[in-house]
Amino acid sequence: MTRDNPNIMICGTPGVGKTVHSEVLARLIGFTHLSMGQIVKERGYHDGWDAEYESFIVDPREAALGVKDELAKGGFIVDWHCCHGFAQCPIDLVVVLRTSLSNQYDRLNERNYRPGKIQENLDAECMEVVLTEAREEFPKEIIIELDSNTKVDMENNVKRIRIWIQHWKEQNNSIEN
């Protein structure tokens, strides 16, 4: 199936700015924002709630399969904390957002995360868990790592992604002609 628009995955540990980036980008370019956290809840792509980790028990590959057919159309921004399973989907750009540990701490604290959950996510950010996962799942050519510490970072990231989308469209239109 030929697509007029690419699909972009925006991932990172909680508190790096995935949802803000995704919402702004979707609004500016007219793409559909797929918040995988919401989709997991709404469509039941989970096996219940884990009280210890305060999160749903999710098989990310099953969740990815659940949206694979939608993604075939193109024009989606997928927002999730992980990217396992999405290599089987038509993803054209993987954006891994990173932030300083102090910013992440403040953002998670504002969300009233318990101290243990904050530490778990700080550890994941520090150890580059999501970036490593992206590198294991996708070709390196489609992965970019962007800082997300300030509003200016977010604005610059959105501009950069919009330029990438324009190049993708130009390249794919020239291939079709």
Protein backbone atom coordinates (compact mmCIF):
# COMPACT_ATOMS: atom_id res chain seq x y z
CA MET A 1 0.00 0.00 0.00
CA THR A 2 1.35 3.41 -0.97
CA ARG A 3 1.20 6.03 1.74
CA ASP A 4 1.03 9.79 1.27
CA ASN A 5 2.35 10.41 4.77
CA PRO A 6 4.93 8.77 7.00
CA ASN A 7 4.37 7.34 10.46
CA ILE A 8 6.46 8.68 13.31
CA MET A 9 7.07 7.06 16.66
CA ILE A 10 7.89 9.35 19.57
CA CYS A 11 9.18 7.39 22.53
CA GLY A 12 11.07 7.87 25.76
CA THR A 13 10.78 7.30 29.46
CA PRO A 14 7.90 8.93 31.34
CA GLY A 15 8.41 12.65 31.80
CA VAL A 16 10.48 13.38 28.68
CA GLY A 17 7.70 15.20 26.81
CA LYS A 18 6.34 12.57 24.40
CA THR A 19 2.71 13.59 24.67
CA VAL A 20 3.37 17.33 24.38
CA HIS A 21 5.57 16.79 21.31
CA SER A 22 3.01 14.42 19.76
CA GLU A 23 0.02 16.67 20.36
CA VAL A 24 1.73 19.80 19.02
CA LEU A 25 3.07 17.98 15.97
CA ALA A 26 -0.27 16.30 15.21
CA ARG A 27 -2.11 19.61 15.45
CA LEU A 28 0.38 21.45 13.22
CA ILE A 29 0.61 18.85 10.45
CA GLY A 30 -2.80 17.20 10.61
CA PHE A 31 -1.55 13.72 11.58
CA THR A 32 -3.42 11.47 14.00
CA HIS A 33 -1.91 11.14 17.46
CA LEU A 34 -2.00 7.55 18.72
CA SER A 35 -1.40 7.64 22.46
CA MET A 36 -0.58 4.00 23.07
CA GLY A 37 -1.21 4.35 26.80
CA GLN A 38 -4.81 5.35 26.04
CA ILE A 39 -5.19 2.72 23.34
CA VAL A 40 -3.98 -0.02 25.70
CA LYS A 41 -6.68 1.00 28.19
CA GLU A 42 -9.49 1.60 25.70
CA ARG A 43 -8.94 -1.50 23.57
CA GLY A 44 -7.96 -3.81 26.39
CA TYR A 45 -4.44 -4.60 25.17
CA HIS A 46 -3.42 -5.58 28.68
CA ASP A 47 -3.68 -8.42 31.17
CA GLY A 48 -4.76 -6.35 34.14
CA TRP A 49 -3.15 -3.96 36.57
CA ASP A 50 0.16 -4.44 38.37
CA ALA A 51 -0.25 -2.73 41.74
CA GLU A 52 3.46 -2.89 42.56
CA TYR A 53 4.52 -1.09 39.37
CA GLU A 54 1.33 0.98 39.18
CA SER A 55 0.82 0.17 35.52
CA PHE A 56 -1.01 -2.14 33.19
CA ILE A 57 0.54 -5.49 32.35
CA VAL A 58 1.11 -5.10 28.63
CA ASP A 59 2.64 -7.21 25.89
CA PRO A 60 3.99 -4.38 23.69
CA ARG A 61 4.09 -6.65 20.64
CA GLU A 62 0.38 -7.38 21.02
CA ALA A 63 -0.35 -3.66 21.35
CA ALA A 64 1.72 -2.94 18.23
CA LEU A 65 -0.16 -5.63 16.30
CA GLY A 66 -3.38 -3.98 17.40
CA VAL A 67 -2.55 -0.76 15.54
CA LYS A 68 -0.56 -2.21 12.64
CA ASP A 69 -3.44 -2.08 10.14
CA GLU A 70 -4.24 1.52 11.05
CA LEU A 71 -0.61 2.50 10.54
CA ALA A 72 -0.67 1.06 7.03
CA LYS A 73 -2.56 4.21 5.97
CA GLY A 74 0.20 6.57 7.15
CA GLY A 75 -0.11 9.93 8.84
CA PHE A 76 0.20 8.78 12.45
CA ILE A 77 2.27 9.87 15.40
CA VAL A 78 2.67 6.99 17.81
CA ASP A 79 3.40 8.10 21.37
CA TRP A 80 4.60 5.48 23.85
CA HIS A 81 7.26 4.82 26.44
CA CYS A 82 8.61 1.81 24.55
CA CYS A 83 8.97 0.65 20.97
CA HIS A 84 9.12 -3.14 21.34
CA GLY A 85 7.04 -4.84 18.68
CA PHE A 86 6.74 -1.81 16.44
CA ALA A 87 9.41 -2.98 13.99
CA GLN A 88 6.61 -5.07 12.47
CA CYS A 89 4.70 -1.83 11.76
CA PRO A 90 5.29 0.77 9.06
CA ILE A 91 7.27 3.26 11.15
CA ASP A 92 9.41 5.68 9.15
CA LEU A 93 11.01 7.75 11.89
CA VAL A 94 11.69 6.91 15.54
CA VAL A 95 12.24 9.91 17.78
CA VAL A 96 13.71 9.08 21.16
CA LEU A 97 13.24 12.03 23.48
CA ARG A 98 15.72 12.57 26.31
CA THR A 99 15.70 14.98 29.20
CA SER A 100 17.92 15.82 32.13
CA LEU A 101 17.33 13.79 35.25
CA SER A 102 16.44 16.92 37.21
CA ASN A 103 13.75 17.84 34.64
CA GLN A 104 12.44 14.30 34.62
CA TYR A 105 12.33 14.21 38.42
CA ASP A 106 10.41 17.51 38.57
CA ARG A 107 7.92 16.43 35.89
CA LEU A 108 7.22 13.05 37.52
CA ASN A 109 6.98 14.63 40.96
CA GLU A 110 4.40 17.10 39.58
CA ARG A 111 2.40 14.07 38.39
CA ASN A 112 2.49 12.70 41.94
CA TYR A 113 4.50 9.60 41.06
CA ARG A 114 5.58 7.76 44.20
CA PRO A 115 9.32 8.00 45.01
CA GLY A 116 10.07 4.41 43.95
CA LYS A 117 8.41 4.90 40.57
CA ILE A 118 10.29 8.17 40.05
CA GLN A 119 13.58 6.42 40.80
CA GLU A 120 12.73 3.53 38.46
CA ASN A 121 12.12 5.98 35.60
CA LEU A 122 15.21 8.05 36.41
CA ASP A 123 17.25 4.85 36.30
CA ALA A 124 15.74 3.93 32.93
CA GLU A 125 16.56 7.37 31.53
CA CYS A 126 20.08 7.30 32.96
CA MET A 127 20.75 3.84 31.49
CA GLU A 128 19.30 4.83 28.07
CA VAL A 129 16.82 1.95 28.18
CA VAL A 130 14.46 3.34 25.53
CA LEU A 131 17.28 4.41 23.21
CA THR A 132 18.86 0.96 23.47
CA GLU A 133 15.50 -0.65 22.79
CA ALA A 134 14.99 1.53 19.71
CA ARG A 135 18.42 0.55 18.41
CA GLU A 136 17.57 -3.14 18.88
CA GLU A 137 14.19 -2.79 17.19
CA PHE A 138 14.79 -0.43 14.24
CA PRO A 139 17.46 0.36 11.64
CA LYS A 140 19.79 3.07 12.95
CA GLU A 141 19.05 5.25 9.91
CA ILE A 142 15.52 5.99 11.09
CA ILE A 143 16.31 6.76 14.75
CA ILE A 144 17.00 10.24 16.06
CA GLU A 145 17.66 11.23 19.64
CA LEU A 146 16.45 14.69 20.65
CA ASP A 147 16.78 16.72 23.85
CA SER A 148 13.55 17.74 25.52
CA ASN A 149 14.52 19.98 28.41
CA THR A 150 12.82 23.27 27.53
CA LYS A 151 9.97 24.70 25.50
CA VAL A 152 12.57 25.93 22.98
CA ASP A 153 13.85 22.34 22.64
CA MET A 154 10.31 21.18 21.92
CA GLU A 155 9.73 23.91 19.35
CA ASN A 156 13.04 23.12 17.63
CA ASN A 157 12.28 19.39 17.68
CA VAL A 158 8.89 19.94 16.09
CA LYS A 159 10.49 22.10 13.36
CA ARG A 160 13.11 19.43 12.71
CA ILE A 161 10.49 16.68 12.46
CA ARG A 162 8.35 18.81 10.13
CA ILE A 163 11.37 19.28 7.83
CA TRP A 164 11.99 15.53 7.91
CA ILE A 165 8.34 14.91 6.94
CA GLN A 166 8.66 17.29 3.99
CA HIS A 167 11.79 15.46 2.80
CA TRP A 168 10.04 12.11 3.22
CA LYS A 169 7.11 13.31 1.10
CA GLU A 170 9.42 14.70 -1.60
CA GLN A 171 11.43 11.48 -1.71
CA ASN A 172 8.39 9.22 -1.80
CA ASN A 173 6.59 11.31 -4.41
CA SER A 174 9.68 11.20 -6.66
CA ILE A 175 9.84 7.41 -6.27
CA GLU A 176 6.20 7.07 -7.35
CA ASN A 177 6.62 9.29 -10.44
